[in-house]
Protein backbone atom coordinates (compact mmCIF):
# COMPACT_ATOMS: atom_id res chain seq x y z
CA MET A 1 8.65 -11.23 -19.16
CA SER A 2 11.49 -10.30 -21.48
CA GLU A 3 14.69 -12.38 -21.67
CA GLU A 4 16.73 -9.49 -20.25
CA ALA A 5 14.43 -9.15 -17.25
CA ALA A 6 14.44 -12.91 -16.65
CA THR A 7 18.24 -12.91 -16.64
CA ASP A 8 18.30 -9.98 -14.24
CA GLN A 9 15.89 -11.73 -11.89
CA THR A 10 17.88 -14.97 -12.02
CA GLN A 11 21.13 -13.25 -11.14
CA ARG A 12 19.75 -11.64 -8.01
CA SER A 13 17.94 -13.40 -5.18
CA ASP A 14 14.60 -12.06 -4.01
CA ALA A 15 16.19 -11.50 -0.63
CA PRO A 16 19.35 -9.64 0.39
CA THR A 17 22.35 -11.93 -0.05
CA SER A 18 25.23 -9.95 1.48
CA GLU A 19 26.06 -7.72 4.41
CA ARG A 20 25.52 -4.69 2.21
CA LYS A 21 22.40 -2.79 3.18
CA VAL A 22 19.76 -2.86 0.48
CA ARG A 23 18.93 0.46 -1.13
CA VAL A 24 15.20 1.02 -1.26
CA GLY A 25 13.40 3.62 -3.34
CA LEU A 26 10.21 4.57 -1.51
CA PHE A 27 7.29 5.18 -3.82
CA VAL A 28 5.36 7.54 -1.58
CA THR A 29 2.06 7.58 -3.60
CA CYS A 30 -0.01 10.64 -4.40
CA LEU A 31 -2.52 10.25 -1.57
CA VAL A 32 0.17 9.80 1.06
CA ASP A 33 2.05 12.83 -0.23
CA LEU A 34 -1.00 15.06 -0.36
CA MET A 35 -3.29 13.72 2.35
CA ARG A 36 -1.36 11.65 4.93
CA PRO A 37 2.42 12.24 4.95
CA SER A 38 2.68 10.43 8.29
CA VAL A 39 2.23 7.15 6.40
CA GLY A 40 5.34 7.89 4.37
CA PHE A 41 7.37 8.70 7.47
CA ALA A 42 6.10 5.50 9.12
CA ALA A 43 7.18 3.49 6.08
CA VAL A 44 10.67 5.03 6.23
CA LYS A 45 10.95 4.20 9.94
CA LEU A 46 9.94 0.56 9.40
CA LEU A 47 12.33 0.12 6.48
CA GLU A 48 15.26 1.74 8.25
CA GLU A 49 14.66 -0.33 11.37
CA ALA A 50 14.78 -3.39 9.11
CA GLY A 51 18.25 -2.34 7.95
CA CYS A 52 17.48 -0.63 4.66
CA ILE A 53 18.88 2.55 3.19
CA VAL A 54 15.77 4.48 2.16
CA GLU A 55 15.69 7.19 -0.47
CA VAL A 56 12.76 9.12 -1.91
CA PRO A 57 13.55 10.18 -5.47
CA VAL A 58 11.65 12.89 -7.29
CA GLN A 59 8.53 11.10 -8.43
CA THR A 60 5.08 11.42 -9.87
CA CYS A 61 1.85 9.40 -9.91
CA CYS A 62 2.10 5.69 -10.80
CA GLY A 63 -0.34 6.37 -13.64
CA GLN A 64 -3.19 4.24 -12.36
CA PRO A 65 -5.99 6.84 -12.72
CA ALA A 66 -5.16 7.36 -16.39
CA TYR A 67 -4.70 3.61 -16.91
CA ASN A 68 -8.09 2.78 -15.40
CA SER A 69 -9.69 5.48 -17.54
CA GLY A 70 -8.27 3.98 -20.74
CA ASP A 71 -5.78 6.77 -21.44
CA ARG A 72 -2.78 4.64 -22.36
CA ASN A 73 -0.72 7.49 -23.85
CA THR A 74 -0.75 9.50 -20.63
CA THR A 75 -0.15 6.35 -18.59
CA ARG A 76 2.93 5.48 -20.63
CA ALA A 77 4.35 8.99 -20.27
CA VAL A 78 3.89 8.84 -16.49
CA ALA A 79 5.23 5.28 -16.26
CA GLU A 80 8.39 6.18 -18.15
CA GLN A 81 9.17 8.83 -15.52
CA VAL A 82 8.60 6.31 -12.73
CA ILE A 83 10.82 3.71 -14.40
CA ASP A 84 13.67 6.18 -14.92
CA ALA A 85 13.43 7.40 -11.31
CA PHE A 86 13.28 4.01 -9.59
CA LEU A 87 15.18 1.57 -11.77
CA PRO A 88 18.56 2.27 -10.06
CA TYR A 89 17.34 0.96 -6.68
CA ASP A 90 17.69 -2.58 -5.33
CA TYR A 91 13.99 -2.56 -4.49
CA VAL A 92 10.98 -0.31 -4.84
CA VAL A 93 8.54 -0.28 -1.92
CA ALA A 94 5.14 1.40 -1.67
CA PRO A 95 2.82 1.71 1.34
CA SER A 96 0.01 0.81 -1.05
CA GLY A 97 -0.96 -2.44 -2.72
CA SER A 98 -2.74 -0.42 -5.36
CA CYS A 99 0.29 1.54 -6.57
CA ALA A 100 2.66 -1.39 -6.12
CA GLY A 101 0.23 -3.53 -8.08
CA MET A 102 0.11 -0.98 -10.87
CA ILE A 103 3.89 -1.09 -11.28
CA ARG A 104 4.29 -4.82 -10.76
CA ALA A 105 1.29 -6.16 -12.67
CA HIS A 106 0.42 -3.51 -15.24
CA TYR A 107 3.65 -1.83 -16.33
CA PRO A 108 4.75 -4.94 -18.26
CA GLU A 109 1.30 -5.06 -19.90
CA LEU A 110 1.52 -1.37 -20.72
CA PHE A 111 4.82 -1.75 -22.58
CA HIS A 112 4.27 -5.25 -23.99
CA ASP A 113 4.71 -3.99 -27.57
CA ASP A 114 7.70 -1.73 -26.91
CA PRO A 115 11.08 -3.52 -27.12
CA ASN A 116 12.88 -0.48 -25.71
CA TRP A 117 10.77 -0.04 -22.57
CA LEU A 118 9.53 -3.57 -21.85
CA PRO A 119 12.84 -4.85 -20.41
CA LYS A 120 12.97 -1.86 -18.08
CA ALA A 121 9.33 -2.28 -17.06
CA ASP A 122 9.94 -5.97 -16.36
CA ARG A 123 12.98 -5.27 -14.21
CA LEU A 124 11.17 -2.62 -12.20
CA ALA A 125 8.11 -4.85 -11.77
CA ALA A 126 10.26 -7.72 -10.47
CA LYS A 127 11.68 -5.65 -7.61
CA THR A 128 8.56 -3.70 -6.62
CA HIS A 129 6.75 -4.66 -3.41
CA GLU A 130 3.99 -3.53 -1.09
CA LEU A 131 5.41 -2.44 2.28
CA THR A 132 4.29 -5.27 4.60
CA SER A 133 4.99 -7.89 1.95
CA PHE A 134 8.51 -6.55 1.50
CA LEU A 135 9.18 -6.58 5.24
CA VAL A 136 7.87 -10.12 5.77
CA ASP A 137 8.54 -11.93 2.50
CA VAL A 138 11.78 -10.30 1.35
CA LEU A 139 13.49 -9.12 4.54
CA GLY A 140 12.12 -11.85 6.81
CA VAL A 141 10.78 -9.44 9.44
CA SER A 142 8.24 -11.17 11.68
CA LYS A 143 7.77 -8.71 14.51
CA VAL A 144 7.95 -5.05 15.43
CA ALA A 145 8.81 -3.51 18.77
CA THR A 146 5.84 -1.28 19.46
CA ARG A 147 2.58 -1.08 21.38
CA TYR A 148 -0.97 -0.18 20.43
CA GLU A 149 -3.87 -0.59 22.82
CA GLY A 150 -7.17 -1.67 21.34
CA ARG A 151 -9.25 -4.04 19.29
CA VAL A 152 -8.30 -3.75 15.64
CA THR A 153 -9.92 -5.04 12.46
CA TYR A 154 -8.21 -5.21 9.07
CA HIS A 155 -9.55 -4.56 5.58
CA ASP A 156 -7.81 -6.39 2.73
CA SER A 157 -7.62 -3.95 -0.15
CA CYS A 158 -8.44 -5.36 -3.58
CA SER A 159 -5.23 -4.66 -5.49
CA GLY A 160 -2.91 -5.73 -2.70
CA LEU A 161 -4.83 -8.95 -2.12
CA ARG A 162 -5.64 -9.98 -5.66
CA GLU A 163 -2.62 -8.68 -7.57
CA LEU A 164 0.10 -9.12 -4.96
CA GLY A 165 -1.20 -11.70 -2.48
CA VAL A 166 -1.00 -9.35 0.49
CA GLN A 167 -3.10 -10.74 3.35
CA ARG A 168 -0.99 -12.83 5.71
CA GLN A 169 1.88 -10.33 5.92
CA PRO A 170 0.22 -7.41 7.75
CA ARG A 171 -1.38 -9.85 10.19
CA THR A 172 2.00 -11.45 10.89
CA LEU A 173 3.39 -8.08 11.92
CA LEU A 174 0.29 -6.98 13.81
CA ALA A 175 0.42 -10.16 15.90
CA SER A 176 3.66 -8.86 17.44
CA VAL A 177 2.24 -5.49 18.53
CA GLU A 178 1.80 -5.42 22.29
CA GLY A 179 -1.69 -4.55 23.51
CA LEU A 180 -3.29 -5.09 20.10
CA THR A 181 -6.09 -7.60 19.60
CA LEU A 182 -7.02 -8.42 16.00
CA VAL A 183 -10.70 -9.17 15.40
CA GLU A 184 -11.65 -10.12 11.86
CA MET A 185 -14.69 -8.43 10.36
CA ALA A 186 -17.09 -10.32 8.13
CA GLU A 187 -16.09 -10.20 4.45
CA ASN A 188 -12.76 -8.57 5.27
CA ASP A 189 -11.57 -9.32 1.73
CA VAL A 190 -14.53 -7.70 -0.03
CA CYS A 191 -14.08 -4.35 -1.82
CA CYS A 192 -14.76 -1.14 0.13
CA GLY A 193 -16.27 0.51 -2.94
CA PHE A 194 -13.51 3.02 -3.61
CA GLY A 195 -11.70 1.63 -6.63
CA GLY A 196 -10.24 5.01 -7.61
CA THR A 197 -12.20 6.29 -10.59
CA PHE A 198 -14.87 3.62 -9.96
CA SER A 199 -16.24 5.63 -7.04
CA VAL A 200 -16.53 8.67 -9.31
CA LYS A 201 -18.10 6.90 -12.28
CA TYR A 202 -20.44 4.69 -10.30
CA GLY A 203 -21.21 6.67 -7.17
CA ASP A 204 -24.44 4.87 -6.22
CA ILE A 205 -22.86 1.44 -6.48
CA SER A 206 -19.77 2.60 -4.62
CA ASN A 207 -21.89 4.01 -1.81
CA ALA A 208 -23.86 0.78 -1.46
CA ILE A 209 -20.63 -1.22 -1.22
CA VAL A 210 -19.03 0.99 1.41
CA GLU A 211 -22.31 1.06 3.37
CA LYS A 212 -22.10 -2.71 3.76
CA LYS A 213 -18.40 -2.50 4.58
CA ALA A 214 -19.11 0.05 7.33
CA GLU A 215 -21.71 -2.29 8.84
CA ASN A 216 -19.18 -5.12 8.93
CA ILE A 217 -16.60 -2.86 10.56
CA GLU A 218 -19.06 -1.78 13.24
CA ASN A 219 -20.26 -5.32 13.88
CA SER A 220 -16.71 -6.53 14.44
CA GLY A 221 -16.58 -4.60 17.70
CA ALA A 222 -13.21 -3.12 16.81
CA ASP A 223 -12.31 0.39 17.89
CA THR A 224 -9.70 0.79 15.13
CA LEU A 225 -9.82 0.00 11.42
CA LEU A 226 -6.55 -0.65 9.59
CA ALA A 227 -5.68 -1.22 5.94
CA GLY A 228 -2.72 -0.80 3.63
CA ASP A 229 -4.22 1.58 1.06
CA LEU A 230 -5.01 5.19 1.84
CA GLY A 231 -7.76 5.48 -0.79
CA CYS A 232 -9.70 2.64 0.83
CA LEU A 233 -9.10 4.07 4.29
CA MET A 234 -10.35 7.55 3.33
CA ASN A 235 -13.44 6.06 1.73
CA MET A 236 -14.30 3.93 4.77
CA ALA A 237 -13.44 6.72 7.21
CA GLY A 238 -15.81 9.04 5.39
CA LYS A 239 -18.68 6.57 5.53
CA LEU A 240 -18.09 5.74 9.20
CA SER A 241 -18.04 9.45 10.03
CA ARG A 242 -21.29 10.07 8.16
CA ARG A 243 -22.85 7.21 10.11
CA GLY A 244 -21.77 8.91 13.34
CA LYS A 245 -19.31 6.17 14.32
CA THR A 246 -16.13 6.75 16.30
CA VAL A 247 -13.99 3.93 14.91
CA ALA A 248 -10.43 5.23 14.52
CA VAL A 249 -9.12 4.70 10.98
CA ARG A 250 -5.38 4.37 10.38
CA HIS A 251 -2.90 3.04 7.87
CA VAL A 252 -1.29 -0.15 9.12
CA ALA A 253 2.20 1.37 8.77
CA GLU A 254 1.38 4.01 11.38
CA VAL A 255 0.51 1.37 13.97
CA LEU A 256 3.42 -0.91 13.11
CA ALA A 257 5.86 2.00 13.36
CA GLY A 258 4.37 3.26 16.63
CA MET A 259 3.56 6.59 14.97
CA THR A 260 -0.01 7.26 16.06
CA ASP A 261 0.28 10.80 17.39
CA GLU A 262 -1.50 12.10 14.30
CA PRO A 263 -5.31 12.15 14.58
CA PRO A 264 -7.06 9.22 12.90
CA ILE A 265 -7.87 9.62 9.22
CA GLY A 266 -10.77 12.01 8.72
CA VAL A 267 -10.58 13.51 12.22
CA PRO A 268 -9.49 17.17 12.46
CA ALA A 269 -6.63 17.83 14.84
CA ALA A 270 -8.73 20.13 17.02
CA LYS A 271 -11.44 17.49 17.40
CA ALA A 272 -8.89 14.79 18.18
CA ARG A 273 -7.76 16.75 21.24
């Protein structure tokens, strides 16, 4: 971390320190924007209920697909746009451990040899959080006022778990949801096989991994599968559907916000009725 970023981080606490509402820039993510906007609206609701001012600046991809494919030039061009758009905010929050992990863990690596951009990348990384982690660890939220009937199991997505330490936080919030019973599946912290471009490059391996994940979901006895990353959820929903299973698949933010009117992921609206 650069000296400028270290100074910036020292001067501000990791939690709000005054009566002023914190200003949060919501990093919506590509998949949420294009495939499941309800997750973005759920994130806004949760953040506003926690006392935040939420804004959604003009934004683009976090750059992870290009980064994982080895295209550093494109990644840097995309990352510079993200840094410029989000640096003015007190915090940056994403309903995705994958995208938050890209900004927090990999932006400083990406600009490690650039004295002009590294301080900015460091500052942005220091204030970027996954949604449930931000609510629990930064804002101190421990419960939500909502209800969801059913037995739920939770998949710990790789980036959120391994890059950001997101595991306890969603379970803390889910424990406060009335009517919800959390049942842990076997190997809940094992990859679902998506991995972004991994599932494209190594389709056979990806399919074998998600096949095992689907078995663990089914064997848990849960009627709903939750996770914090839409890519993982779409991958698992697709496999469960192809296996003829009726497990409802949702982003954890939708349940925590009480916004479950939308059909589960992968279920057409007409069929949901």
